[in-house]
Amino acid sequence: SARVLKQKCYAREIHHHNDGGRITFTLDDIRAEN
């Protein structure tokens, strides 16, 4: 679920970008998380 994914991002538990307050993922983020 997107909700769980966002919650993990807010808690800084997974790799992501916070572009202007919007959570986004790059290919590098997805690779790093995998």
PDB file of all heavy atoms in Angstrom:
ATOM      1  N   SER A   1       0.837  -1.198   0.000  1.00  0.00           N
ATOM      2  CA  SER A   1       0.000   0.000   0.000  1.00  0.00           C
ATOM      3  C   SER A   1       0.872   1.249   0.000  1.00  0.00           C
ATOM      4  O   SER A   1       1.949   1.285   0.608  1.00  0.00           O
ATOM      5  CB  SER A   1      -0.945   0.013   1.201  1.00  0.00           C
ATOM      6  OG  SER A   1      -0.354   0.582   2.328  1.00  0.00           O
ATOM      7  N   ALA A   2       0.382   2.270  -0.697  1.00  0.00           N
ATOM      8  CA  ALA A   2       1.100   3.537  -0.769  1.00  0.00           C
ATOM      9  C   ALA A   2       1.163   4.192   0.608  1.00  0.00           C
ATOM     10  O   ALA A   2       2.145   4.863   0.934  1.00  0.00           O
ATOM     11  CB  ALA A   2       0.430   4.463  -1.775  1.00  0.00           C
ATOM     12  N   ARG A   3       0.149   3.975   1.410  1.00  0.00           N
ATOM     13  CA  ARG A   3       0.121   4.559   2.749  1.00  0.00           C
ATOM     14  C   ARG A   3       1.282   4.047   3.612  1.00  0.00           C
ATOM     15  O   ARG A   3       1.986   4.814   4.265  1.00  0.00           O
ATOM     16  CB  ARG A   3      -1.215   4.257   3.419  1.00  0.00           C
ATOM     17  CG  ARG A   3      -1.334   4.833   4.802  1.00  0.00           C
ATOM     18  CD  ARG A   3      -2.731   4.593   5.350  1.00  0.00           C
ATOM     19  NE  ARG A   3      -2.807   5.057   6.715  1.00  0.00           N
ATOM     20  CZ  ARG A   3      -3.286   4.353   7.717  1.00  0.00           C
ATOM     21  NH1 ARG A   3      -3.763   3.146   7.502  1.00  0.00           N
ATOM     22  NH2 ARG A   3      -3.314   4.841   8.926  1.00  0.00           N
ATOM     23  N   VAL A   4       1.483   2.738   3.609  1.00  0.00           N
ATOM     24  CA  VAL A   4       2.585   2.146   4.374  1.00  0.00           C
ATOM     25  C   VAL A   4       3.921   2.653   3.840  1.00  0.00           C
ATOM     26  O   VAL A   4       4.818   3.000   4.613  1.00  0.00           O
ATOM     27  CB  VAL A   4       2.525   0.603   4.323  1.00  0.00           C
ATOM     28  CG1 VAL A   4       3.786  -0.022   4.886  1.00  0.00           C
ATOM     29  CG2 VAL A   4       1.300   0.097   5.044  1.00  0.00           C
ATOM     30  N   LEU A   5       4.043   2.729   2.537  1.00  0.00           N
ATOM     31  CA  LEU A   5       5.273   3.210   1.914  1.00  0.00           C
ATOM     32  C   LEU A   5       5.557   4.657   2.340  1.00  0.00           C
ATOM     33  O   LEU A   5       6.680   4.991   2.713  1.00  0.00           O
ATOM     34  CB  LEU A   5       5.148   3.106   0.395  1.00  0.00           C
ATOM     35  CG  LEU A   5       6.381   3.353  -0.437  1.00  0.00           C
ATOM     36  CD1 LEU A   5       7.532   2.449  -0.027  1.00  0.00           C
ATOM     37  CD2 LEU A   5       6.067   3.173  -1.902  1.00  0.00           C
ATOM     38  N   LYS A   6       4.539   5.496   2.322  1.00  0.00           N
ATOM     39  CA  LYS A   6       4.703   6.887   2.749  1.00  0.00           C
ATOM     40  C   LYS A   6       5.079   6.975   4.228  1.00  0.00           C
ATOM     41  O   LYS A   6       5.936   7.769   4.607  1.00  0.00           O
ATOM     42  CB  LYS A   6       3.418   7.674   2.501  1.00  0.00           C
ATOM     43  CG  LYS A   6       3.161   7.972   1.045  1.00  0.00           C
ATOM     44  CD  LYS A   6       1.856   8.729   0.898  1.00  0.00           C
ATOM     45  CE  LYS A   6       1.497   8.967  -0.528  1.00  0.00           C
ATOM     46  NZ  LYS A   6       0.222   9.685  -0.666  1.00  0.00           N
ATOM     47  N   GLN A   7       4.445   6.160   5.059  1.00  0.00           N
ATOM     48  CA  GLN A   7       4.756   6.180   6.487  1.00  0.00           C
ATOM     49  C   GLN A   7       6.216   5.806   6.728  1.00  0.00           C
ATOM     50  O   GLN A   7       6.890   6.397   7.564  1.00  0.00           O
ATOM     51  CB  GLN A   7       3.832   5.237   7.255  1.00  0.00           C
ATOM     52  CG  GLN A   7       2.426   5.770   7.391  1.00  0.00           C
ATOM     53  CD  GLN A   7       1.481   4.768   8.036  1.00  0.00           C
ATOM     54  OE1 GLN A   7       1.721   3.564   8.010  1.00  0.00           O
ATOM     55  NE2 GLN A   7       0.398   5.274   8.598  1.00  0.00           N
ATOM     56  N   LYS A   8       6.719   4.833   5.987  1.00  0.00           N
ATOM     57  CA  LYS A   8       8.120   4.439   6.122  1.00  0.00           C
ATOM     58  C   LYS A   8       9.044   5.557   5.644  1.00  0.00           C
ATOM     59  O   LYS A   8      10.122   5.751   6.186  1.00  0.00           O
ATOM     60  CB  LYS A   8       8.383   3.136   5.387  1.00  0.00           C
ATOM     61  CG  LYS A   8       7.664   1.961   6.038  1.00  0.00           C
ATOM     62  CD  LYS A   8       8.342   0.682   5.698  1.00  0.00           C
ATOM     63  CE  LYS A   8       7.760  -0.466   6.470  1.00  0.00           C
ATOM     64  NZ  LYS A   8       8.326  -0.598   7.796  1.00  0.00           N
ATOM     65  N   CYS A   9       8.610   6.303   4.645  1.00  0.00           N
ATOM     66  CA  CYS A   9       9.395   7.450   4.175  1.00  0.00           C
ATOM     67  C   CYS A   9       9.408   8.555   5.229  1.00  0.00           C
ATOM     68  O   CYS A   9      10.457   9.140   5.500  1.00  0.00           O
ATOM     69  CB  CYS A   9       8.823   7.990   2.873  1.00  0.00           C
ATOM     70  SG  CYS A   9       9.060   6.894   1.468  1.00  0.00           S
ATOM     71  N   TYR A  10       8.240   8.843   5.819  1.00  0.00           N
ATOM     72  CA  TYR A  10       8.173   9.877   6.866  1.00  0.00           C
ATOM     73  C   TYR A  10       9.073   9.517   8.038  1.00  0.00           C
ATOM     74  O   TYR A  10       9.702  10.389   8.636  1.00  0.00           O
ATOM     75  CB  TYR A  10       6.743  10.064   7.365  1.00  0.00           C
ATOM     76  CG  TYR A  10       5.766  10.563   6.332  1.00  0.00           C
ATOM     77  CD1 TYR A  10       4.463  10.087   6.300  1.00  0.00           C
ATOM     78  CD2 TYR A  10       6.133  11.504   5.379  1.00  0.00           C
ATOM     79  CE1 TYR A  10       3.556  10.534   5.353  1.00  0.00           C
ATOM     80  CE2 TYR A  10       5.235  11.949   4.419  1.00  0.00           C
ATOM     81  CZ  TYR A  10       3.950  11.473   4.411  1.00  0.00           C
ATOM     82  OH  TYR A  10       3.051  11.912   3.476  1.00  0.00           O
ATOM     83  N   ALA A  11       9.166   8.232   8.344  1.00  0.00           N
ATOM     84  CA  ALA A  11      10.007   7.763   9.447  1.00  0.00           C
ATOM     85  C   ALA A  11      11.470   7.603   9.021  1.00  0.00           C
ATOM     86  O   ALA A  11      12.304   7.188   9.822  1.00  0.00           O
ATOM     87  CB  ALA A  11       9.474   6.433   9.973  1.00  0.00           C
ATOM     88  N   ARG A  12      11.755   7.915   7.757  1.00  0.00           N
ATOM     89  CA  ARG A  12      13.110   7.810   7.182  1.00  0.00           C
ATOM     90  C   ARG A  12      13.679   6.398   7.296  1.00  0.00           C
ATOM     91  O   ARG A  12      14.853   6.207   7.601  1.00  0.00           O
ATOM     92  CB  ARG A  12      14.048   8.828   7.812  1.00  0.00           C
ATOM     93  CG  ARG A  12      13.623  10.252   7.559  1.00  0.00           C
ATOM     94  CD  ARG A  12      14.579  11.235   8.205  1.00  0.00           C
ATOM     95  NE  ARG A  12      14.093  12.587   8.033  1.00  0.00           N
ATOM     96  CZ  ARG A  12      14.525  13.426   7.088  1.00  0.00           C
ATOM     97  NH1 ARG A  12      15.426  13.035   6.243  1.00  0.00           N
ATOM     98  NH2 ARG A  12      14.031  14.635   7.010  1.00  0.00           N
ATOM     99  N   GLU A  13      12.830   5.431   7.027  1.00  0.00           N
ATOM    100  CA  GLU A  13      13.239   4.031   7.095  1.00  0.00           C
ATOM    101  C   GLU A  13      13.653   3.475   5.739  1.00  0.00           C
ATOM    102  O   GLU A  13      14.277   2.418   5.681  1.00  0.00           O
ATOM    103  CB  GLU A  13      12.104   3.181   7.670  1.00  0.00           C
ATOM    104  CG  GLU A  13      11.786   3.497   9.113  1.00  0.00           C
ATOM    105  CD  GLU A  13      10.631   2.682   9.647  1.00  0.00           C
ATOM    106  OE1 GLU A  13      10.163   1.750   8.951  1.00  0.00           O
ATOM    107  OE2 GLU A  13      10.189   2.982  10.762  1.00  0.00           O
ATOM    108  N   ILE A  14      13.266   4.143   4.656  1.00  0.00           N
ATOM    109  CA  ILE A  14      13.630   3.658   3.321  1.00  0.00           C
ATOM    110  C   ILE A  14      14.167   4.808   2.473  1.00  0.00           C
ATOM    111  O   ILE A  14      13.904   5.972   2.746  1.00  0.00           O
ATOM    112  CB  ILE A  14      12.448   2.960   2.607  1.00  0.00           C
ATOM    113  CG1 ILE A  14      11.298   3.913   2.387  1.00  0.00           C
ATOM    114  CG2 ILE A  14      11.987   1.746   3.375  1.00  0.00           C
ATOM    115  CD1 ILE A  14      10.188   3.302   1.579  1.00  0.00           C
ATOM    116  N   HIS A  15      14.905   4.461   1.438  1.00  0.00           N
ATOM    117  CA  HIS A  15      15.500   5.447   0.533  1.00  0.00           C
ATOM    118  C   HIS A  15      14.408   6.101  -0.305  1.00  0.00           C
ATOM    119  O   HIS A  15      13.563   5.414  -0.878  1.00  0.00           O
ATOM    120  CB  HIS A  15      16.507   4.778  -0.408  1.00  0.00           C
ATOM    121  CG  HIS A  15      17.673   4.181   0.299  1.00  0.00           C
ATOM    122  ND1 HIS A  15      18.805   4.900   0.562  1.00  0.00           N
ATOM    123  CD2 HIS A  15      17.886   2.955   0.814  1.00  0.00           C
ATOM    124  CE1 HIS A  15      19.669   4.145   1.196  1.00  0.00           C
ATOM    125  NE2 HIS A  15      19.134   2.951   1.369  1.00  0.00           N
ATOM    126  N   HIS A  16      14.433   7.429  -0.374  1.00  0.00           N
ATOM    127  CA  HIS A  16      13.486   8.174  -1.195  1.00  0.00           C
ATOM    128  C   HIS A  16      13.971   9.609  -1.338  1.00  0.00           C
ATOM    129  O   HIS A  16      14.974   9.997  -0.761  1.00  0.00           O
ATOM    130  CB  HIS A  16      12.087   8.152  -0.575  1.00  0.00           C
ATOM    131  CG  HIS A  16      11.976   8.948   0.690  1.00  0.00           C
ATOM    132  ND1 HIS A  16      12.482   8.495   1.885  1.00  0.00           N
ATOM    133  CD2 HIS A  16      11.451  10.167   0.929  1.00  0.00           C
ATOM    134  CE1 HIS A  16      12.257   9.398   2.822  1.00  0.00           C
ATOM    135  NE2 HIS A  16      11.634  10.432   2.269  1.00  0.00           N
ATOM    136  N   HIS A  17      13.249  10.410  -2.118  1.00  0.00           N
ATOM    137  CA  HIS A  17      13.504  11.839  -2.246  1.00  0.00           C
ATOM    138  C   HIS A  17      12.277  12.582  -1.728  1.00  0.00           C
ATOM    139  O   HIS A  17      11.149  12.096  -1.833  1.00  0.00           O
ATOM    140  CB  HIS A  17      13.741  12.234  -3.708  1.00  0.00           C
ATOM    141  CG  HIS A  17      15.093  11.873  -4.205  1.00  0.00           C
ATOM    142  ND1 HIS A  17      15.430  10.604  -4.574  1.00  0.00           N
ATOM    143  CD2 HIS A  17      16.199  12.634  -4.367  1.00  0.00           C
ATOM    144  CE1 HIS A  17      16.689  10.592  -4.964  1.00  0.00           C
ATOM    145  NE2 HIS A  17      17.186  11.818  -4.850  1.00  0.00           N
ATOM    146  N   ASN A  18      12.514  13.751  -1.199  1.00  0.00           N
ATOM    147  CA  ASN A  18      11.419  14.589  -0.713  1.00  0.00           C
ATOM    148  C   ASN A  18      11.410  15.858  -1.552  1.00  0.00           C
ATOM    149  O   ASN A  18      11.893  16.901  -1.132  1.00  0.00           O
ATOM    150  CB  ASN A  18      11.611  14.900   0.779  1.00  0.00           C
ATOM    151  CG  ASN A  18      10.372  15.463   1.401  1.00  0.00           C
ATOM    152  OD1 ASN A  18       9.307  15.427   0.809  1.00  0.00           O
ATOM    153  ND2 ASN A  18      10.507  15.996   2.599  1.00  0.00           N
ATOM    154  N   ASP A  19      10.891  15.749  -2.757  1.00  0.00           N
ATOM    155  CA  ASP A  19      10.899  16.847  -3.725  1.00  0.00           C
ATOM    156  C   ASP A  19       9.803  17.853  -3.408  1.00  0.00           C
ATOM    157  O   ASP A  19       8.630  17.630  -3.717  1.00  0.00           O
ATOM    158  CB  ASP A  19      10.705  16.319  -5.142  1.00  0.00           C
ATOM    159  CG  ASP A  19      11.836  15.412  -5.575  1.00  0.00           C
ATOM    160  OD1 ASP A  19      12.966  15.623  -5.110  1.00  0.00           O
ATOM    161  OD2 ASP A  19      11.593  14.504  -6.381  1.00  0.00           O
ATOM    162  N   GLY A  20      10.180  18.947  -2.777  1.00  0.00           N
ATOM    163  CA  GLY A  20       9.200  19.989  -2.468  1.00  0.00           C
ATOM    164  C   GLY A  20       8.072  19.480  -1.598  1.00  0.00           C
ATOM    165  O   GLY A  20       6.932  19.912  -1.743  1.00  0.00           O
ATOM    166  N   GLY A  21       8.375  18.546  -0.713  1.00  0.00           N
ATOM    167  CA  GLY A  21       7.355  17.991   0.169  1.00  0.00           C
ATOM    168  C   GLY A  21       6.639  16.777  -0.405  1.00  0.00           C
ATOM    169  O   GLY A  21       5.803  16.177   0.264  1.00  0.00           O
ATOM    170  N   ARG A  22       6.943  16.420  -1.641  1.00  0.00           N
ATOM    171  CA  ARG A  22       6.337  15.233  -2.265  1.00  0.00           C
ATOM    172  C   ARG A  22       7.339  14.089  -2.246  1.00  0.00           C
ATOM    173  O   ARG A  22       8.490  14.260  -2.638  1.00  0.00           O
ATOM    174  CB  ARG A  22       5.937  15.532  -3.707  1.00  0.00           C
ATOM    175  CG  ARG A  22       4.806  16.536  -3.817  1.00  0.00           C
ATOM    176  CD  ARG A  22       4.427  16.812  -5.265  1.00  0.00           C
ATOM    177  NE  ARG A  22       4.102  15.573  -5.949  1.00  0.00           N
ATOM    178  CZ  ARG A  22       4.503  15.279  -7.194  1.00  0.00           C
ATOM    179  NH1 ARG A  22       5.252  16.112  -7.863  1.00  0.00           N
ATOM    180  NH2 ARG A  22       4.159  14.155  -7.750  1.00  0.00           N
ATOM    181  N   ILE A  23       6.906  12.937  -1.823  1.00  0.00           N
ATOM    182  CA  ILE A  23       7.766  11.756  -1.792  1.00  0.00           C
ATOM    183  C   ILE A  23       7.865  11.183  -3.197  1.00  0.00           C
ATOM    184  O   ILE A  23       6.846  10.931  -3.847  1.00  0.00           O
ATOM    185  CB  ILE A  23       7.208  10.704  -0.818  1.00  0.00           C
ATOM    186  CG1 ILE A  23       7.258  11.252   0.603  1.00  0.00           C
ATOM    187  CG2 ILE A  23       7.973   9.395  -0.932  1.00  0.00           C
ATOM    188  CD1 ILE A  23       6.528  10.397   1.603  1.00  0.00           C
ATOM    189  N   THR A  24       9.102  10.993  -3.660  1.00  0.00           N
ATOM    190  CA  THR A  24       9.324  10.370  -4.962  1.00  0.00           C
ATOM    191  C   THR A  24      10.472   9.375  -4.844  1.00  0.00           C
ATOM    192  O   THR A  24      11.249   9.406  -3.892  1.00  0.00           O
ATOM    193  CB  THR A  24       9.675  11.411  -6.052  1.00  0.00           C
ATOM    194  OG1 THR A  24      10.854  12.099  -5.679  1.00  0.00           O
ATOM    195  CG2 THR A  24       8.529  12.383  -6.277  1.00  0.00           C
ATOM    196  N   PHE A  25      10.558   8.505  -5.837  1.00  0.00           N
ATOM    197  CA  PHE A  25      11.594   7.478  -5.868  1.00  0.00           C
ATOM    198  C   PHE A  25      12.291   7.519  -7.224  1.00  0.00           C
ATOM    199  O   PHE A  25      11.636   7.561  -8.258  1.00  0.00           O
ATOM    200  CB  PHE A  25      10.984   6.088  -5.661  1.00  0.00           C
ATOM    201  CG  PHE A  25      10.313   5.925  -4.339  1.00  0.00           C
ATOM    202  CD1 PHE A  25       8.983   6.266  -4.184  1.00  0.00           C
ATOM    203  CD2 PHE A  25      11.007   5.442  -3.250  1.00  0.00           C
ATOM    204  CE1 PHE A  25       8.354   6.128  -2.952  1.00  0.00           C
ATOM    205  CE2 PHE A  25      10.396   5.299  -2.023  1.00  0.00           C
ATOM    206  CZ  PHE A  25       9.067   5.642  -1.874  1.00  0.00           C
ATOM    207  N   THR A  26      13.617   7.475  -7.190  1.00  0.00           N
ATOM    208  CA  THR A  26      14.393   7.358  -8.420  1.00  0.00           C
ATOM    209  C   THR A  26      14.809   5.906  -8.588  1.00  0.00           C
ATOM    210  O   THR A  26      14.630   5.090  -7.674  1.00  0.00           O
ATOM    211  CB  THR A  26      15.663   8.234  -8.364  1.00  0.00           C
ATOM    212  OG1 THR A  26      16.488   7.762  -7.291  1.00  0.00           O
ATOM    213  CG2 THR A  26      15.328   9.700  -8.174  1.00  0.00           C
ATOM    214  N   LEU A  27      15.392   5.597  -9.719  1.00  0.00           N
ATOM    215  CA  LEU A  27      15.887   4.245  -9.962  1.00  0.00           C
ATOM    216  C   LEU A  27      16.942   3.876  -8.918  1.00  0.00           C
ATOM    217  O   LEU A  27      16.957   2.758  -8.409  1.00  0.00           O
ATOM    218  CB  LEU A  27      16.462   4.142 -11.371  1.00  0.00           C
ATOM    219  CG  LEU A  27      16.966   2.784 -11.812  1.00  0.00           C
ATOM    220  CD1 LEU A  27      15.835   1.754 -11.789  1.00  0.00           C
ATOM    221  CD2 LEU A  27      17.574   2.862 -13.189  1.00  0.00           C
ATOM    222  N   ASP A  28      17.794   4.828  -8.568  1.00  0.00           N
ATOM    223  CA  ASP A  28      18.820   4.573  -7.544  1.00  0.00           C
ATOM    224  C   ASP A  28      18.199   4.297  -6.175  1.00  0.00           C
ATOM    225  O   ASP A  28      18.692   3.455  -5.425  1.00  0.00           O
ATOM    226  CB  ASP A  28      19.798   5.741  -7.455  1.00  0.00           C
ATOM    227  CG  ASP A  28      20.691   5.843  -8.681  1.00  0.00           C
ATOM    228  OD1 ASP A  28      20.885   4.809  -9.358  1.00  0.00           O
ATOM    229  OD2 ASP A  28      21.191   6.944  -8.954  1.00  0.00           O
ATOM    230  N   ASP A  29      17.118   5.001  -5.836  1.00  0.00           N
ATOM    231  CA  ASP A  29      16.429   4.751  -4.566  1.00  0.00           C
ATOM    232  C   ASP A  29      15.878   3.327  -4.521  1.00  0.00           C
ATOM    233  O   ASP A  29      16.014   2.622  -3.517  1.00  0.00           O
ATOM    234  CB  ASP A  29      15.250   5.724  -4.364  1.00  0.00           C
ATOM    235  CG  ASP A  29      15.695   7.160  -4.216  1.00  0.00           C
ATOM    236  OD1 ASP A  29      16.815   7.383  -3.729  1.00  0.00           O
ATOM    237  OD2 ASP A  29      14.909   8.049  -4.587  1.00  0.00           O
ATOM    238  N   ILE A  30      15.274   2.919  -5.611  1.00  0.00           N
ATOM    239  CA  ILE A  30      14.671   1.586  -5.671  1.00  0.00           C
ATOM    240  C   ILE A  30      15.758   0.516  -5.606  1.00  0.00           C
ATOM    241  O   ILE A  30      15.627  -0.477  -4.893  1.00  0.00           O
ATOM    242  CB  ILE A  30      13.802   1.454  -6.933  1.00  0.00           C
ATOM    243  CG1 ILE A  30      12.574   2.382  -6.781  1.00  0.00           C
ATOM    244  CG2 ILE A  30      13.378   0.015  -7.176  1.00  0.00           C
ATOM    245  CD1 ILE A  30      11.803   2.622  -8.030  1.00  0.00           C
ATOM    246  N   ARG A  31      16.860   0.735  -6.308  1.00  0.00           N
ATOM    247  CA  ARG A  31      17.980  -0.215  -6.249  1.00  0.00           C
ATOM    248  C   ARG A  31      18.574  -0.284  -4.847  1.00  0.00           C
ATOM    249  O   ARG A  31      18.863  -1.372  -4.343  1.00  0.00           O
ATOM    250  CB  ARG A  31      19.058   0.176  -7.247  1.00  0.00           C
ATOM    251  CG  ARG A  31      18.703  -0.159  -8.666  1.00  0.00           C
ATOM    252  CD  ARG A  31      19.826   0.199  -9.595  1.00  0.00           C
ATOM    253  NE  ARG A  31      19.502  -0.220 -10.956  1.00  0.00           N
ATOM    254  CZ  ARG A  31      20.011   0.313 -12.037  1.00  0.00           C
ATOM    255  NH1 ARG A  31      20.905   1.287 -11.936  1.00  0.00           N
ATOM    256  NH2 ARG A  31      19.655  -0.107 -13.222  1.00  0.00           N
ATOM    257  N   ALA A  32      18.764   0.889  -4.221  1.00  0.00           N
ATOM    258  CA  ALA A  32      19.335   0.922  -2.870  1.00  0.00           C
ATOM    259  C   ALA A  32      18.425   0.207  -1.875  1.00  0.00           C
ATOM    260  O   ALA A  32      18.892  -0.517  -0.998  1.00  0.00           O
ATOM    261  CB  ALA A  32      19.563   2.363  -2.428  1.00  0.00           C
ATOM    262  N   GLU A  33      17.129   0.393  -2.019  1.00  0.00           N
ATOM    263  CA  GLU A  33      16.189  -0.260  -1.108  1.00  0.00           C
ATOM    264  C   GLU A  33      16.170  -1.771  -1.336  1.00  0.00           C
ATOM    265  O   GLU A  33      16.112  -2.550  -0.384  1.00  0.00           O
ATOM    266  CB  GLU A  33      14.786   0.333  -1.286  1.00  0.00           C
ATOM    267  CG  GLU A  33      13.813  -0.081  -0.244  1.00  0.00           C
ATOM    268  CD  GLU A  33      14.230   0.266   1.173  1.00  0.00           C
ATOM    269  OE1 GLU A  33      15.034   1.190   1.380  1.00  0.00           O
ATOM    270  OE2 GLU A  33      13.753  -0.423   2.100  1.00  0.00           O
ATOM    271  N   ASN A  34      16.244  -2.188  -2.580  1.00  0.00           N
ATOM    272  CA  ASN A  34      16.305  -3.629  -2.865  1.00  0.00           C
ATOM    273  C   ASN A  34      17.599  -4.234  -2.340  1.00  0.00           C
ATOM    274  O   ASN A  34      17.599  -5.348  -1.822  1.00  0.00           O
ATOM    275  CB  ASN A  34      16.137  -3.897  -4.357  1.00  0.00           C
ATOM    276  CG  ASN A  34      14.701  -3.799  -4.797  1.00  0.00           C
ATOM    277  OD1 ASN A  34      13.796  -4.243  -4.101  1.00  0.00           O
ATOM    278  ND2 ASN A  34      14.465  -3.189  -5.938  1.00  0.00           N
TER     279      ASN A  34
END
